[in-house]
Protein backbone atom coordinates (compact mmCIF):
# COMPACT_ATOMS: atom_id res chain seq x y z
CA MET A 1 -19.72 118.90 -21.89
CA SER A 2 -19.56 117.60 -25.03
CA ASP A 3 -22.75 119.47 -27.59
CA ALA A 4 -24.34 117.54 -29.89
CA SER A 5 -22.35 117.71 -32.53
CA GLN A 6 -19.41 116.13 -30.77
CA THR A 7 -21.54 113.42 -29.62
CA ASP A 8 -21.61 112.67 -33.30
CA LYS A 9 -18.39 112.01 -33.80
CA PRO A 10 -17.44 108.20 -33.46
CA TRP A 11 -13.81 109.60 -31.65
CA ALA A 12 -16.00 111.30 -29.15
CA GLY A 13 -15.62 109.62 -26.09
CA ARG A 14 -11.93 110.33 -25.46
CA PHE A 15 -12.79 114.17 -25.33
CA THR A 16 -14.41 116.11 -22.44
CA ALA A 17 -14.52 118.84 -24.62
CA PRO A 18 -15.81 120.18 -27.84
CA THR A 19 -14.23 120.79 -30.81
CA ASP A 20 -13.46 123.94 -31.62
CA ALA A 21 -16.13 125.28 -34.15
CA PHE A 22 -12.95 126.93 -36.33
CA VAL A 23 -10.84 123.73 -36.43
CA GLU A 24 -13.73 121.86 -37.06
CA VAL A 25 -14.22 123.49 -40.29
CA PHE A 26 -10.03 124.36 -40.63
CA THR A 27 -9.61 119.80 -40.06
CA ALA A 28 -12.76 118.87 -42.23
CA SER A 29 -11.72 117.48 -45.63
CA VAL A 30 -15.87 116.53 -46.59
CA GLY A 31 -15.79 119.66 -49.04
CA PHE A 32 -13.33 118.12 -51.58
CA ASP A 33 -13.48 114.59 -50.28
CA LYS A 34 -16.91 114.12 -50.42
CA ARG A 35 -16.31 112.84 -54.54
CA LEU A 36 -14.61 109.23 -53.10
CA TYR A 37 -18.47 108.60 -52.02
CA LYS A 38 -19.02 106.20 -54.67
CA HIS A 39 -15.26 104.73 -54.02
CA ASP A 40 -16.14 104.84 -49.96
CA ILE A 41 -19.31 102.89 -50.82
CA ALA A 42 -17.76 100.03 -52.76
CA GLY A 43 -15.08 99.57 -50.41
CA SER A 44 -17.53 99.37 -47.53
CA ILE A 45 -19.67 97.00 -48.91
CA ALA A 46 -16.54 94.64 -50.09
CA HIS A 47 -15.33 95.12 -46.03
CA ALA A 48 -18.74 93.53 -45.25
CA ARG A 49 -18.99 90.83 -46.97
CA MET A 50 -15.67 90.54 -46.00
CA LEU A 51 -16.71 89.82 -42.79
CA ALA A 52 -19.41 87.94 -43.15
CA HIS A 53 -17.31 85.73 -45.06
CA VAL A 54 -14.92 85.11 -42.12
CA GLY A 55 -17.59 85.04 -39.68
CA VAL A 56 -17.51 88.88 -38.01
CA LEU A 57 -21.12 89.68 -39.61
CA SER A 58 -24.04 87.80 -39.79
CA GLU A 59 -25.28 87.57 -43.17
CA ALA A 60 -28.50 89.23 -42.24
CA GLU A 61 -26.20 91.72 -41.19
CA ARG A 62 -24.02 92.21 -43.69
CA ASP A 63 -27.61 92.50 -45.97
CA THR A 64 -28.82 94.89 -44.23
CA ILE A 65 -25.67 97.17 -44.22
CA VAL A 66 -24.97 96.38 -47.97
CA ASP A 67 -28.86 97.45 -48.76
CA GLY A 68 -28.05 100.70 -47.02
CA LEU A 69 -25.14 101.38 -48.58
CA ARG A 70 -26.87 101.26 -51.45
CA ALA A 71 -29.78 103.14 -50.90
CA ILE A 72 -27.25 106.15 -49.07
CA GLU A 73 -25.13 106.08 -52.77
CA GLN A 74 -29.22 106.59 -54.72
CA ASP A 75 -29.57 109.50 -52.13
CA ILE A 76 -26.48 110.81 -53.00
CA GLU A 77 -26.57 110.73 -56.41
CA ARG A 78 -30.35 112.09 -56.56
CA GLY A 79 -29.01 115.60 -54.64
CA GLU A 80 -30.42 114.51 -51.22
CA PHE A 81 -27.63 114.12 -49.00
CA ALA A 82 -26.97 116.61 -46.44
CA TRP A 83 -23.21 116.56 -45.96
CA SER A 84 -22.39 117.47 -42.47
CA THR A 85 -18.68 119.62 -41.86
CA SER A 86 -18.98 118.29 -38.31
CA LEU A 87 -18.98 114.66 -40.10
CA GLU A 88 -15.28 115.82 -41.17
CA ASP A 89 -15.10 113.98 -44.24
CA VAL A 90 -17.01 111.50 -47.09
CA HIS A 91 -16.27 108.05 -44.41
CA MET A 92 -17.76 109.41 -41.15
CA ASN A 93 -20.89 110.63 -43.54
CA ILE A 94 -21.69 108.34 -44.87
CA GLU A 95 -21.13 106.18 -41.56
CA ALA A 96 -22.92 108.00 -39.91
CA ARG A 97 -26.39 108.32 -42.14
CA LEU A 98 -26.08 104.38 -42.29
CA THR A 99 -26.25 103.81 -38.69
CA ASP A 100 -29.53 106.47 -38.99
CA ARG A 101 -30.62 104.10 -41.96
CA ILE A 102 -30.36 101.14 -40.54
CA GLY A 103 -29.61 101.29 -36.34
CA ASP A 104 -26.28 99.67 -34.74
CA ILE A 105 -26.58 96.98 -36.92
CA GLY A 106 -24.77 99.90 -38.98
CA LYS A 107 -21.91 101.01 -36.03
CA LYS A 108 -20.66 97.09 -37.24
CA LEU A 109 -18.99 97.94 -40.36
CA HIS A 110 -16.25 99.17 -39.14
CA THR A 111 -15.23 96.61 -37.40
CA GLY A 112 -11.75 95.71 -38.46
CA ARG A 113 -10.60 98.76 -39.92
CA SER A 114 -9.37 102.67 -39.32
CA ARG A 115 -10.22 105.87 -41.55
CA ASN A 116 -5.88 105.01 -42.21
CA ASP A 117 -6.82 102.11 -44.82
CA GLN A 118 -10.33 102.82 -45.88
CA VAL A 119 -9.06 106.19 -47.45
CA ALA A 120 -6.04 105.02 -49.27
CA THR A 121 -8.20 102.25 -50.52
CA ASP A 122 -10.70 105.00 -51.93
CA ILE A 123 -7.73 107.26 -53.78
CA ARG A 124 -6.83 104.00 -55.52
CA LEU A 125 -10.64 102.34 -56.13
CA TYR A 126 -10.78 106.55 -57.18
CA LEU A 127 -7.40 106.86 -59.40
CA ARG A 128 -7.82 103.65 -60.65
CA ASP A 129 -11.12 104.56 -62.50
CA GLU A 130 -9.79 107.89 -63.74
CA MET A 131 -6.58 106.46 -65.07
CA GLN A 132 -8.72 104.22 -67.01
CA VAL A 133 -10.49 107.67 -68.14
CA MET A 134 -6.67 109.81 -69.13
CA GLN A 135 -5.86 106.29 -70.68
CA ALA A 136 -8.53 106.66 -72.93
CA GLU A 137 -8.61 110.11 -73.59
CA VAL A 138 -4.70 110.21 -74.66
CA THR A 139 -5.33 106.88 -76.91
CA ARG A 140 -8.49 108.79 -78.67
CA LEU A 141 -5.98 112.30 -78.67
CA ILE A 142 -3.12 109.72 -80.84
CA GLU A 143 -5.50 108.00 -83.14
CA GLY A 144 -6.39 111.61 -84.05
CA LEU A 145 -2.69 112.80 -84.82
CA LEU A 146 -2.49 109.36 -86.58
CA GLY A 147 -5.36 110.10 -88.88
CA LEU A 148 -3.89 114.28 -89.32
CA ALA A 149 -0.56 112.04 -90.43
CA GLU A 150 -1.90 109.88 -92.67
CA GLU A 151 -3.40 112.05 -94.69
CA GLU A 152 -0.42 115.08 -94.64
CA ALA A 153 2.52 111.43 -95.30
CA GLY A 154 3.43 113.88 -98.33
CA THR A 155 3.01 116.70 -96.94
CA ILE A 156 6.21 118.73 -97.09
CA MET A 157 6.91 121.93 -93.83
CA PRO A 158 9.97 123.29 -93.36
CA GLY A 159 11.60 121.33 -89.92
CA PHE A 160 13.59 123.53 -87.34
CA THR A 161 16.84 123.74 -85.06
CA HIS A 162 16.64 126.32 -82.86
CA LEU A 163 13.28 127.41 -84.15
CA GLN A 164 15.61 128.13 -87.49
CA THR A 165 14.86 126.56 -90.94
CA ALA A 166 17.01 123.35 -90.77
CA GLN A 167 14.94 120.77 -93.57
CA PRO A 168 12.50 120.07 -95.08
CA VAL A 169 10.28 117.40 -93.71
CA THR A 170 7.26 116.17 -93.82
CA PHE A 171 3.96 117.46 -91.63
CA GLY A 172 2.75 114.03 -90.89
CA HIS A 173 6.06 113.03 -89.86
CA HIS A 174 6.06 116.42 -87.74
CA MET A 175 2.66 114.00 -86.01
CA LEU A 176 3.98 110.85 -85.80
CA ALA A 177 6.68 112.93 -83.36
CA TRP A 178 4.03 113.88 -81.29
CA VAL A 179 2.45 110.54 -80.90
CA GLU A 180 5.30 108.51 -79.74
CA MET A 181 5.60 111.43 -76.88
CA LEU A 182 1.92 110.54 -76.48
CA LEU A 183 2.67 106.55 -76.87
CA ARG A 184 5.80 106.96 -73.74
CA ASP A 185 3.29 108.76 -72.21
CA LEU A 186 0.53 105.74 -71.95
CA ALA A 187 2.63 103.64 -71.29
CA ARG A 188 3.76 105.53 -68.46
CA LEU A 189 0.12 105.29 -67.36
CA ARG A 190 -0.42 101.50 -67.43
CA ASP A 191 2.97 101.28 -65.93
CA ALA A 192 1.36 103.29 -62.48
CA TYR A 193 -1.40 101.24 -62.54
CA GLN A 194 -0.55 98.73 -61.24
CA ARG A 195 1.23 100.54 -57.96
CA VAL A 196 -2.09 102.39 -57.33
CA ASN A 197 -3.67 98.53 -58.37
CA VAL A 198 -2.50 97.32 -54.62
CA LEU A 199 -5.04 96.62 -51.82
CA PRO A 200 -4.14 98.47 -48.39
CA LEU A 201 -7.59 98.09 -47.05
CA GLY A 202 -6.45 94.85 -43.42
CA ALA A 203 -3.65 97.42 -42.63
CA ALA A 204 -6.29 98.65 -39.59
CA ALA A 205 -4.34 101.89 -38.24
CA LEU A 206 -0.96 101.23 -38.91
CA ALA A 207 -0.56 97.80 -37.32
CA GLY A 208 -3.14 95.07 -38.83
CA THR A 209 -6.41 93.91 -37.10
CA THR A 210 -7.07 91.02 -34.50
CA TYR A 211 -9.68 89.87 -36.59
CA PRO A 212 -9.83 87.05 -38.89
CA ILE A 213 -10.11 89.41 -41.91
CA ASP A 214 -9.32 87.43 -45.42
CA ARG A 215 -7.79 90.30 -47.15
CA LEU A 216 -7.57 88.23 -49.92
CA PHE A 217 -11.20 87.97 -50.88
CA THR A 218 -11.84 92.08 -50.09
CA ALA A 219 -9.02 92.27 -53.09
CA ARG A 220 -10.56 89.92 -55.21
CA GLU A 221 -14.09 91.92 -54.73
CA LEU A 222 -12.71 94.92 -55.50
CA GLY A 223 -10.15 93.62 -58.91
CA PHE A 224 -7.59 94.81 -56.93
CA ALA A 225 -3.96 92.37 -58.19
CA GLY A 226 -2.64 91.98 -54.31
CA VAL A 227 -2.62 93.31 -51.25
CA ALA A 228 0.27 96.05 -49.40
CA GLU A 229 2.02 93.61 -47.67
CA ASN A 230 3.58 96.05 -44.94
CA SER A 231 0.44 97.24 -42.77
CA LEU A 232 2.77 100.82 -41.50
CA ASP A 233 3.33 101.09 -45.16
CA ALA A 234 0.34 100.67 -46.23
CA VAL A 235 -1.54 103.38 -44.47
CA SER A 236 1.16 106.10 -44.95
CA ASP A 237 2.30 105.25 -48.81
CA ARG A 238 1.46 107.54 -51.33
CA ASP A 239 4.39 107.16 -53.71
CA PHE A 240 1.21 105.96 -56.23
CA ALA A 241 -0.42 109.64 -56.25
CA ILE A 242 2.88 111.48 -56.80
CA GLU A 243 3.81 108.97 -59.83
CA LEU A 244 0.94 109.42 -61.41
CA VAL A 245 1.34 113.89 -60.96
CA SER A 246 4.35 113.22 -62.38
CA ASP A 247 3.59 111.09 -64.49
CA ALA A 248 0.98 113.81 -66.18
CA SER A 249 3.22 116.43 -65.18
CA VAL A 250 5.99 114.86 -68.61
CA LEU A 251 2.31 114.52 -70.09
CA MET A 252 1.35 118.28 -69.42
CA MET A 253 4.67 119.34 -70.43
CA HIS A 254 4.17 117.21 -73.72
CA LEU A 255 1.08 119.08 -74.60
CA SER A 256 2.53 122.16 -73.64
CA ARG A 257 4.96 122.07 -76.51
CA PHE A 258 2.26 120.86 -79.29
CA SER A 259 0.31 123.97 -77.48
CA GLU A 260 3.33 126.67 -78.76
CA GLU A 261 3.69 125.16 -82.13
CA LEU A 262 0.02 125.71 -82.76
CA ILE A 263 0.45 128.74 -81.25
CA LEU A 264 3.24 129.76 -83.69
CA TRP A 265 1.60 128.02 -86.85
CA SER A 266 -1.18 129.67 -86.70
CA SER A 267 -0.09 133.02 -86.05
CA ALA A 268 -0.04 135.73 -89.86
CA GLN A 269 3.98 134.58 -89.36
CA PHE A 270 3.72 131.56 -90.43
CA ASP A 271 0.05 130.50 -90.92
CA PHE A 272 0.76 126.99 -91.31
CA VAL A 273 -2.64 125.85 -89.64
CA ASP A 274 -5.77 127.24 -89.53
CA LEU A 275 -7.33 125.95 -86.01
CA GLY A 276 -11.24 125.44 -85.52
CA ASP A 277 -13.37 128.46 -84.35
CA SER A 278 -14.75 126.09 -82.35
CA PHE A 279 -11.32 125.92 -79.78
CA CYS A 280 -10.92 129.85 -80.14
CA THR A 281 -11.72 133.00 -78.77
CA GLY A 282 -11.78 136.77 -80.11
CA SER A 283 -10.88 140.49 -78.99
CA SER A 284 -13.37 142.72 -77.37
CA ILE A 285 -11.37 145.64 -78.99
CA MET A 286 -9.96 143.72 -82.41
CA PRO A 287 -12.32 142.53 -84.73
CA GLN A 288 -9.96 140.12 -87.08
CA LYS A 289 -9.06 138.45 -84.01
CA LYS A 290 -8.22 134.76 -84.00
CA ASN A 291 -6.86 133.87 -80.91
CA PRO A 292 -5.94 129.50 -79.87
CA ASP A 293 -6.49 129.75 -76.52
CA VAL A 294 -7.27 125.89 -76.11
CA PRO A 295 -3.47 125.18 -76.16
CA GLU A 296 -2.48 128.58 -74.89
CA LEU A 297 -4.33 127.94 -71.70
CA VAL A 298 -3.25 125.02 -71.91
CA ARG A 299 0.44 125.91 -72.18
CA GLY A 300 -0.62 127.40 -68.91
CA LYS A 301 -1.99 125.22 -67.16
CA THR A 302 0.94 122.66 -67.10
CA GLY A 303 2.99 124.94 -64.47
CA ARG A 304 -0.89 124.68 -62.96
CA ILE A 305 0.24 120.41 -62.69
CA TYR A 306 4.22 121.05 -61.91
CA GLY A 307 3.18 123.07 -58.82
CA HIS A 308 1.11 119.90 -57.92
CA LEU A 309 4.04 117.95 -57.84
CA MET A 310 6.20 119.70 -55.88
CA SER A 311 3.00 120.31 -52.95
CA LEU A 312 2.99 116.39 -53.16
CA LEU A 313 6.59 115.77 -52.69
CA THR A 314 6.95 117.87 -50.34
CA LEU A 315 3.95 117.25 -48.23
CA MET A 316 5.42 113.85 -47.62
CA LYS A 317 8.83 114.70 -47.08
CA ALA A 318 9.90 114.55 -44.03
CA GLN A 319 6.27 112.09 -42.40
CA PRO A 320 7.36 110.13 -39.49
CA LEU A 321 5.48 106.42 -39.88
CA ALA A 322 2.83 105.82 -40.35
CA TYR A 323 -0.36 107.83 -41.13
CA ASN A 324 -0.44 111.53 -40.70
CA LYS A 325 -3.04 114.29 -41.00
CA ASP A 326 -0.72 116.15 -43.18
CA ASN A 327 -1.85 113.63 -45.99
CA GLN A 328 -5.37 115.00 -46.14
CA GLU A 329 -3.98 117.57 -48.45
CA ASP A 330 -2.77 114.88 -50.58
CA LYS A 331 -6.09 115.38 -52.41
CA GLU A 332 -6.53 118.63 -53.86
CA PRO A 333 -3.29 118.69 -55.65
CA LEU A 334 -4.18 115.39 -56.57
CA PHE A 335 -7.82 115.84 -57.54
CA ASP A 336 -7.35 118.91 -59.51
CA THR A 337 -4.09 117.32 -61.46
CA ILE A 338 -6.49 114.39 -62.63
CA ASP A 339 -9.43 117.35 -64.01
CA ASN A 340 -7.38 119.13 -65.75
CA VAL A 341 -5.62 116.80 -67.51
CA LYS A 342 -8.68 115.16 -68.41
CA GLY A 343 -10.02 118.32 -70.08
CA CYS A 344 -6.84 119.16 -71.26
CA LEU A 345 -6.49 115.68 -72.97
CA LYS A 346 -10.33 115.81 -73.94
CA LEU A 347 -9.94 119.44 -76.03
CA TYR A 348 -7.56 118.21 -77.61
CA ALA A 349 -8.43 114.94 -79.02
CA ASP A 350 -11.99 117.12 -79.76
CA MET A 351 -9.80 119.76 -81.85
CA MET A 352 -7.21 117.43 -84.05
CA PRO A 353 -9.90 116.67 -86.19
CA GLN A 354 -10.74 120.56 -87.35
CA ILE A 355 -6.95 121.44 -88.01
CA GLN A 356 -6.61 122.67 -91.56
CA VAL A 357 -3.43 122.09 -92.69
CA LYS A 358 -2.16 124.93 -95.22
CA ARG A 359 -0.05 122.65 -98.30
CA ASP A 360 0.72 125.99 -100.06
CA ASN A 361 2.11 127.71 -97.34
CA MET A 362 4.34 125.10 -95.56
CA TYR A 363 5.74 124.36 -98.85
CA GLU A 364 6.98 127.71 -99.58
CA ALA A 365 8.13 128.65 -96.07
CA ALA A 366 10.21 124.91 -96.36
CA ARG A 367 11.90 126.42 -99.99
CA ARG A 368 12.96 129.38 -97.62
CA GLY A 369 15.63 129.72 -95.52
CA PHE A 370 18.34 127.06 -98.12
CA SER A 371 16.28 123.75 -96.31
CA THR A 372 18.34 121.77 -98.89
CA ALA A 373 21.55 122.52 -98.03
CA THR A 374 22.84 119.61 -95.86
CA ASP A 375 21.21 117.59 -99.81
CA LEU A 376 23.85 119.38 -101.85
CA ALA A 377 26.01 118.35 -98.25
CA ASP A 378 25.70 114.89 -98.49
CA TYR A 379 25.95 115.09 -102.87
CA LEU A 380 29.35 116.19 -102.75
CA VAL A 381 30.15 113.80 -100.34
CA ARG A 382 28.96 111.09 -101.87
CA LYS A 383 30.88 112.51 -105.27
CA GLY A 384 34.35 112.01 -103.45
CA VAL A 385 34.58 115.04 -101.14
CA ALA A 386 35.31 114.91 -97.55
CA PHE A 387 32.21 115.77 -95.89
CA ARG A 388 34.12 118.79 -94.21
CA ASP A 389 35.25 120.22 -97.75
CA ALA A 390 31.84 119.58 -98.52
CA HIS A 391 30.34 121.53 -95.72
CA GLU A 392 32.83 124.92 -96.35
CA ILE A 393 31.54 124.54 -100.43
CA VAL A 394 28.05 124.84 -99.40
CA GLY A 395 28.28 127.13 -96.77
CA LYS A 396 29.74 129.43 -99.59
CA ALA A 397 26.78 128.98 -101.95
CA VAL A 398 24.05 129.75 -98.56
CA ARG A 399 26.24 133.01 -98.54
CA TYR A 400 26.08 133.65 -102.21
CA GLY A 401 22.35 132.88 -102.15
CA VAL A 402 21.57 135.40 -99.32
CA ASP A 403 23.57 137.75 -100.56
CA ASN A 404 21.60 137.24 -104.27
CA ASP A 405 18.26 135.97 -102.28
CA LYS A 406 18.50 132.85 -104.32
CA ASP A 407 17.61 129.31 -102.96
CA LEU A 408 19.65 126.68 -103.84
CA SER A 409 17.00 125.72 -105.89
CA GLU A 410 16.51 129.18 -107.74
CA MET A 411 20.42 128.87 -108.71
CA SER A 412 21.94 128.17 -112.19
CA LEU A 413 24.28 125.22 -113.11
CA ASP A 414 26.56 127.67 -113.76
CA GLU A 415 26.20 129.46 -110.41
CA LEU A 416 26.57 126.31 -108.52
CA GLN A 417 29.56 125.16 -110.29
CA GLN A 418 31.75 128.25 -108.78
CA PHE A 419 31.46 126.68 -105.65
CA SER A 420 32.64 123.15 -106.87
CA ASN A 421 33.73 121.82 -110.29
CA VAL A 422 31.58 118.04 -108.89
CA ILE A 423 28.71 119.34 -109.39
CA GLU A 424 26.94 118.44 -112.46
CA PRO A 425 23.17 118.49 -114.25
CA ASP A 426 21.97 115.77 -111.46
CA VAL A 427 22.21 118.26 -108.62
CA PHE A 428 18.74 119.76 -109.17
CA GLU A 429 17.02 115.84 -108.49
CA VAL A 430 18.40 116.58 -104.70
CA LEU A 431 17.77 120.04 -104.31
CA THR A 432 13.97 119.76 -104.43
CA LEU A 433 11.81 119.20 -101.74
CA GLU A 434 10.52 116.13 -103.04
CA GLY A 435 13.24 114.83 -103.68
CA SER A 436 14.82 115.39 -99.63
CA VAL A 437 12.28 113.81 -98.32
CA ALA A 438 12.20 110.78 -100.63
CA ALA A 439 15.31 110.49 -99.91
CA ARG A 440 15.17 110.00 -96.00
CA ASN A 441 13.67 106.49 -96.62
CA HIS A 442 14.06 104.92 -93.97
CA ILE A 443 12.74 103.85 -90.64
CA GLY A 444 12.80 106.58 -88.68
CA GLY A 445 13.15 109.02 -92.04
CA THR A 446 10.61 111.80 -93.25
CA ALA A 447 9.32 110.48 -96.28
CA PRO A 448 6.31 110.05 -97.25
CA GLU A 449 6.54 106.29 -97.13
CA GLN A 450 7.49 105.61 -93.95
CA VAL A 451 5.61 108.02 -92.70
CA ARG A 452 2.60 105.53 -94.05
CA ALA A 453 4.61 103.05 -92.70
CA ALA A 454 5.34 104.06 -89.15
CA ILE A 455 1.36 104.50 -89.32
CA ILE A 456 0.99 100.92 -89.19
CA ARG A 457 3.74 100.30 -86.64
CA VAL A 458 1.74 102.46 -84.14
CA ARG A 459 -1.58 101.09 -84.76
CA THR A 460 -0.53 97.57 -83.56
CA ARG A 461 1.54 99.32 -80.60
CA LEU A 462 -1.00 100.89 -80.00
CA GLU A 463 -3.28 98.04 -80.07
CA GLN A 464 -1.04 96.06 -77.13
CA LEU A 465 -0.78 99.14 -74.81
CA THR A 466 -4.22 99.37 -74.98
CA LEU A 467 -5.27 95.57 -74.14
């Protein structure tokens, strides 16, 4: 004998015993997939209109169904909708409420579709909206970085390799390196959107349907660029979700690298920047502390997103065609990825205008560590010295500087000439930090002039990416 909850299930006709209570809870997804309600209702409205378009529903039936669905959406948004675990998921909850509200006409809505193609459609509709939000936040972060780069186009700081002082660069140039990473992230999201924007509805359970459906009509109703060409693939494909989480992982890797630099730069040992108080916290025991919690947490969340990517890849790796219940496990990692990436992007975009650059400290740090050594080598090469010989000469000069606690720019002409007789008074033009950065005056170089020109080009590229 079936209990009352069992008879509520649309598939209950096949069964003679009720679902085990724990199995019911274990297999239900409504606790997390109810966030798809707007997209489920939008997909159902489009499906009802298509069924009326091909004559499966009358216009009156279509209108009754559409009005009922819109009323349910209002109930959900007012918090007046009671979600039922016994009805398993968002789709069956809404369909059952529709039938309660409008009667047996509601049972006609599921004609020509399955929960398999329904959920695949809902996820794609949901991701389209969320990916647009993510792209907007990446764009806002880029604009914030461009503002910093423009303001600090001539601010000199040490450039690093191996976290050792290498050559002087401008802070504006450094910010543009992050912009380039984010532009690639934005391009990846835009590219992935094309593969999300494909309609699976009409594939039904796995083989299509015998009803005279018009899938192109439904695609136009929902704004999809096209329809999935193969019904088996349409209901079982989760490549688009994996691709998004993969793109999100690369994006988070970039934010994590940026976080690491902000954490270092805001430390007392570097003291290059001051992060806004709104994005830091204090210590419960050490009153002097100002902890860069936002960058640290973003750095930490990166591993969480990587884990979601591995979860989805593992989820799909051994699934036969077509749909399998395993795919219910795609939503929580996908939803968590979107929530956290959007949060990280929002915080970073909000934080950029509040970053204070400590120009004097950056300049002083660039003066240490012999950051113009390469400039001296290039100077010697222009005087006719072979580069390998120039490299050795400068190495000896640096050794002398280490022993005598003197930067190259602090040595006298006599001191420098003991390493090479081709060195002349004009050497000091290349040993200054300003001369070093200004000399790299080519596309992609760190010269302030090039930074300002690059900002103009980036804004043009950004316009093209956001059209």
